Amino acid sequence: MDKLYPPGRLIVICGLPGAGKTTVAKQLENKLHAVRFCPDEWMNALGINLYDGKMRERIEALQWKLAQGLLALGLTVIIEWGTWGRAERDALRLGARALGAAVELHFLDPPIDILFERIRQRNLESPPIERNDLIQWSEIFERPSPEEIALFDTPEVVAGALYVL
């Protein structure tokens, strides 16, 4: 049976808090008429603490299920989860490819000082993120290597100014 829809496109936004993921994701959402999934927004809307890891996992699982359905319909989907680990990025890439979708990785990696200043300005987290938190997270964050980045498709549209591609 022939496929009824054109191939979809998954855009994975990767970076630490304050990297500009939401800003870039919203720009891409508007330019590409995409569907954007951000667990922080869902958690805030539902009154769930952003640090509730179990609920975040459940929301991300639900978002991924919805994203797969949209990709199968040929739509563009943006996943804005941070995706700190290679295994998580691999799972998204392979899952989307299994649906015939193209997959982009947008990696944002500004210095700690910029991350911390942006987080202080937005003042969204409770309790607030401290500079030492960012330093610790930066040490465990698995930055995509050039070899990993080569596994993804070239972005159709680039938004924002702090890309490392």
Protein backbone atom coordinates (compact mmCIF):
# COMPACT_ATOMS: atom_id res chain seq x y z
CA MET A 1 0.00 0.00 0.00
CA ASP A 2 1.32 3.45 -0.90
CA LYS A 3 1.93 5.93 1.86
CA LEU A 4 -0.85 8.53 1.95
CA TYR A 5 1.18 11.34 3.49
CA PRO A 6 4.53 12.93 2.70
CA PRO A 7 7.35 12.18 5.12
CA GLY A 8 7.28 14.12 8.36
CA ARG A 9 10.19 15.96 9.96
CA LEU A 10 11.31 15.74 13.58
CA ILE A 11 13.35 18.59 15.02
CA VAL A 12 15.14 17.77 18.27
CA ILE A 13 16.27 20.78 20.32
CA CYS A 14 19.25 19.94 22.53
CA GLY A 15 20.74 22.06 25.31
CA LEU A 16 20.91 22.91 28.98
CA PRO A 17 18.45 25.22 30.79
CA GLY A 18 18.87 28.78 29.54
CA ALA A 19 20.43 27.68 26.23
CA GLY A 20 17.60 29.25 24.25
CA LYS A 21 15.72 26.06 23.40
CA THR A 22 12.25 27.56 23.80
CA THR A 23 13.17 30.71 21.89
CA VAL A 24 14.59 28.73 18.98
CA ALA A 25 11.77 26.16 19.09
CA LYS A 26 9.12 28.90 18.93
CA GLN A 27 10.90 30.55 15.99
CA LEU A 28 11.01 27.24 14.14
CA GLU A 29 7.40 26.49 15.10
CA ASN A 30 6.28 29.73 13.47
CA LYS A 31 8.50 29.48 10.38
CA LEU A 32 7.68 25.84 9.68
CA HIS A 33 4.08 25.70 10.96
CA ALA A 34 5.24 22.89 13.22
CA VAL A 35 3.80 21.31 16.34
CA ARG A 36 6.05 21.97 19.36
CA PHE A 37 6.24 19.79 22.46
CA CYS A 38 7.70 21.36 25.62
CA PRO A 39 7.19 19.43 28.87
CA ASP A 40 7.83 22.52 31.03
CA GLU A 41 4.82 24.28 29.48
CA TRP A 42 2.56 21.27 30.05
CA MET A 43 3.78 20.89 33.63
CA ASN A 44 3.22 24.58 34.37
CA ALA A 45 -0.26 24.45 32.82
CA LEU A 46 -1.14 21.43 34.98
CA GLY A 47 0.37 22.90 38.16
CA ILE A 48 3.07 20.22 38.33
CA ASN A 49 6.45 21.04 39.88
CA LEU A 50 9.10 21.24 37.15
CA TYR A 51 11.40 19.09 39.28
CA ASP A 52 8.94 16.17 39.45
CA GLY A 53 10.97 13.69 37.42
CA LYS A 54 8.34 10.94 37.29
CA MET A 55 5.68 13.30 35.94
CA ARG A 56 8.14 14.74 33.43
CA GLU A 57 8.85 11.22 32.15
CA ARG A 58 5.12 10.53 31.79
CA ILE A 59 4.50 13.81 29.97
CA GLU A 60 7.44 13.25 27.64
CA ALA A 61 6.17 9.72 26.89
CA LEU A 62 2.74 11.14 26.04
CA GLN A 63 4.29 13.89 23.93
CA TRP A 64 6.39 11.33 22.04
CA LYS A 65 3.32 9.18 21.36
CA LEU A 66 1.49 12.22 19.97
CA ALA A 67 4.58 13.29 18.01
CA GLN A 68 4.82 9.89 16.32
CA GLY A 69 1.23 10.14 15.14
CA LEU A 70 1.85 13.60 13.73
CA LEU A 71 5.06 12.51 12.02
CA ALA A 72 3.19 9.62 10.42
CA LEU A 73 0.77 12.21 9.01
CA GLY A 74 3.67 14.06 7.40
CA LEU A 75 3.83 16.98 9.83
CA THR A 76 6.82 18.73 11.34
CA VAL A 77 7.25 18.17 15.06
CA ILE A 78 9.62 19.92 17.46
CA ILE A 79 10.78 18.11 20.59
CA GLU A 80 12.07 20.60 23.14
CA TRP A 81 13.15 18.34 25.98
CA GLY A 82 16.80 19.24 26.35
CA THR A 83 17.83 15.70 25.37
CA TRP A 84 20.96 15.66 27.52
CA GLY A 85 21.89 12.07 26.71
CA ARG A 86 22.95 10.43 23.48
CA ALA A 87 20.66 7.44 24.15
CA GLU A 88 17.62 9.73 24.32
CA ARG A 89 18.58 11.48 21.07
CA ASP A 90 19.24 8.12 19.39
CA ALA A 91 15.82 6.80 20.45
CA LEU A 92 14.06 9.86 19.03
CA ARG A 93 16.08 9.75 15.79
CA LEU A 94 15.55 6.04 15.23
CA GLY A 95 11.87 6.20 16.18
CA ALA A 96 11.23 9.01 13.72
CA ARG A 97 13.26 7.33 10.98
CA ALA A 98 11.17 4.17 11.45
CA LEU A 99 8.18 6.32 10.45
CA GLY A 100 10.02 7.59 7.36
CA ALA A 101 10.60 11.05 8.84
CA ALA A 102 13.63 13.25 8.40
CA VAL A 103 15.31 14.16 11.71
CA GLU A 104 17.19 17.35 12.55
CA LEU A 105 19.26 18.10 15.64
CA HIS A 106 19.56 21.70 16.79
CA PHE A 107 22.27 21.86 19.46
CA LEU A 108 22.59 25.02 21.55
CA ASP A 109 25.59 25.31 23.85
CA PRO A 110 26.20 28.82 25.24
CA PRO A 111 28.70 29.32 28.08
CA ILE A 112 27.62 28.82 31.73
CA ASP A 113 27.64 32.59 32.41
CA ILE A 114 25.10 33.21 29.64
CA LEU A 115 22.93 30.27 30.77
CA PHE A 116 22.90 31.56 34.34
CA GLU A 117 22.07 35.15 33.33
CA ARG A 118 19.18 34.01 31.12
CA ILE A 119 17.79 31.81 33.88
CA ARG A 120 17.99 34.66 36.40
CA GLN A 121 16.21 37.01 33.98
CA ARG A 122 13.35 34.63 33.21
CA ASN A 123 12.89 33.72 36.90
CA LEU A 124 10.62 30.73 36.18
CA GLU A 125 12.01 27.93 38.30
CA SER A 126 11.08 27.33 41.91
CA PRO A 127 13.39 26.73 43.60
CA PRO A 128 15.66 28.83 41.41
CA ILE A 129 18.46 27.19 39.45
CA GLU A 130 21.83 28.06 40.96
CA ARG A 131 25.09 28.56 39.08
CA ASN A 132 26.51 25.41 40.73
CA ASP A 133 23.53 23.42 39.39
CA LEU A 134 24.45 24.50 35.86
CA ILE A 135 28.08 23.58 36.39
CA GLN A 136 27.11 20.10 37.63
CA TRP A 137 24.60 19.60 34.81
CA SER A 138 27.13 20.75 32.25
CA GLU A 139 29.50 18.04 33.45
CA ILE A 140 26.91 15.25 32.97
CA PHE A 141 25.43 16.67 29.75
CA GLU A 142 26.45 14.47 26.80
CA ARG A 143 27.18 17.04 24.10
CA PRO A 144 26.62 15.67 20.60
CA SER A 145 29.88 14.75 18.90
CA PRO A 146 30.49 15.58 15.23
CA GLU A 147 29.94 11.87 14.49
CA GLU A 148 26.53 11.95 16.18
CA ILE A 149 25.53 15.20 14.48
CA ALA A 150 26.35 13.58 11.11
CA LEU A 151 23.58 11.01 11.77
CA PHE A 152 20.96 13.77 11.51
CA ASP A 153 19.61 15.57 8.47
CA THR A 154 20.74 19.10 7.67
CA PRO A 155 18.32 21.63 9.18
CA GLU A 156 15.95 23.18 6.63
CA VAL A 157 15.71 26.39 8.67
CA VAL A 158 18.15 27.76 11.23
CA ALA A 159 16.79 30.03 13.96
CA GLY A 160 18.68 31.78 16.71
CA ALA A 161 22.31 32.77 16.95
CA LEU A 162 23.94 30.33 19.38
CA TYR A 163 24.08 27.16 17.33
CA VAL A 164 26.77 24.57 17.37
CA LEU A 165 26.09 22.36 14.35
